[in-house]
């Protein structure tokens, strides 16, 4: 199945908007790194990691499973309406459970109470977010525009309200308010507004169970990036200090911002990959092979530039206080290629082929390896040790995913 030209145009436009959004995020992180200082920036990053993790749980795999079901039901409006409400009610149910659990366990964690507000805002906003539905209806530009507007508003609020290092928790809360703002914006989408203007479908246990079962298959894939980040930062903080976490988090934020463009492209191309792989596995294999080469060469070039230009990047972006982050950033540059290629394989090949559990296994083993290496490397090498653990885990996951895909392609042929 050949993808229409206007859809590729939408993918390109959405990617450009996401690139601008990433630029806004980079500018915001530069401001926060300098305003909060190394230690408090580490606590800010920790709060954001916890918030993104709980928000990913509240999404409950809808970014993948919901999009896939929306594409499959695109020609049946009545079923789309039922799907919309069943998924949204399910997400709100999960969000409520996550919020209650977070506040229950958070009360038992001395010194972590201020970080509960980011969890509340991020989780609630994600529960209300209909981005999965709008994306599945191929309106990816509207989704990208909503995220850009939301992140710009959050950045403006942070610039106005965060003025000293003690405001780290406030900065994390404002950062995690972006899903809530994006949800409010996307509720103005014509089709979403039309669905909400009619009598709402009351929660149906059968439909919600179906939505939860569908989302549960993709849930581990959706939450693993944020879970790995939260676990990694928790381990670093537990075996070292906030300053070490600050150096690692600052370098990793810059790496993640640069890599974000690949995440944007993969997520916007995903709806078309579903139909392509279902209807034309042989032809799509040749097409994906060519694209995969670019997914290796382009990140390879970027990684080389990151390693060579690490010192000026750290000086310009982070400031003199983060001089110790230069070797950390150079090590993280090594992880850029395996991380980008693994992302491409998962979103463009494995999820459309319903290989979710293969992804879960690879990610689980990679996370376990990272945790073991953090406990070993961080007391020895500090923030550089954390970066080494991250890079080793990403390389292991990439190699495992490639082996799994090769076996599946042989089975198809």
Foldseek 3Di string as FASTA:
>chain_A
DDDDPVLVVLLVLLLVLVLVLLVLVLVLLLVCLVFQDLLLLLVLLLLLLLQLLLLLVLLLQLLQLVLLVLLVCVPPVVVLLLSQQLSLVLSQVSLVVSLVVCVVVQVVDPPCVLSSLLNNLLSNLSSLAPQSNCLSNSNSNQLSVLLSVLSVVLSVVCVPPRRHNVCSSVNSNSNSNSSNSSSVSCCPPVVNVVSVVPDHDPHDPVSNVVSNVSSNLSSLVSNLVSVLSNLLSVLLCVVDHSNLSSLLSSLVSVLCSVLVSLVSSLSSCQSVLLVCCVPPVPVVVVVVVVVLVVLQVVLVVVLVVQLVCLQVVCCVRNNPSNNVSSLLNNLLSLQRSLQSSLSNCVRRPCSSVSNSVLLSVLSVVLSVQLSVQSVVQCVPPRNSSNSNSNSVSSNSSSVSSVVVRVVVVVVVD
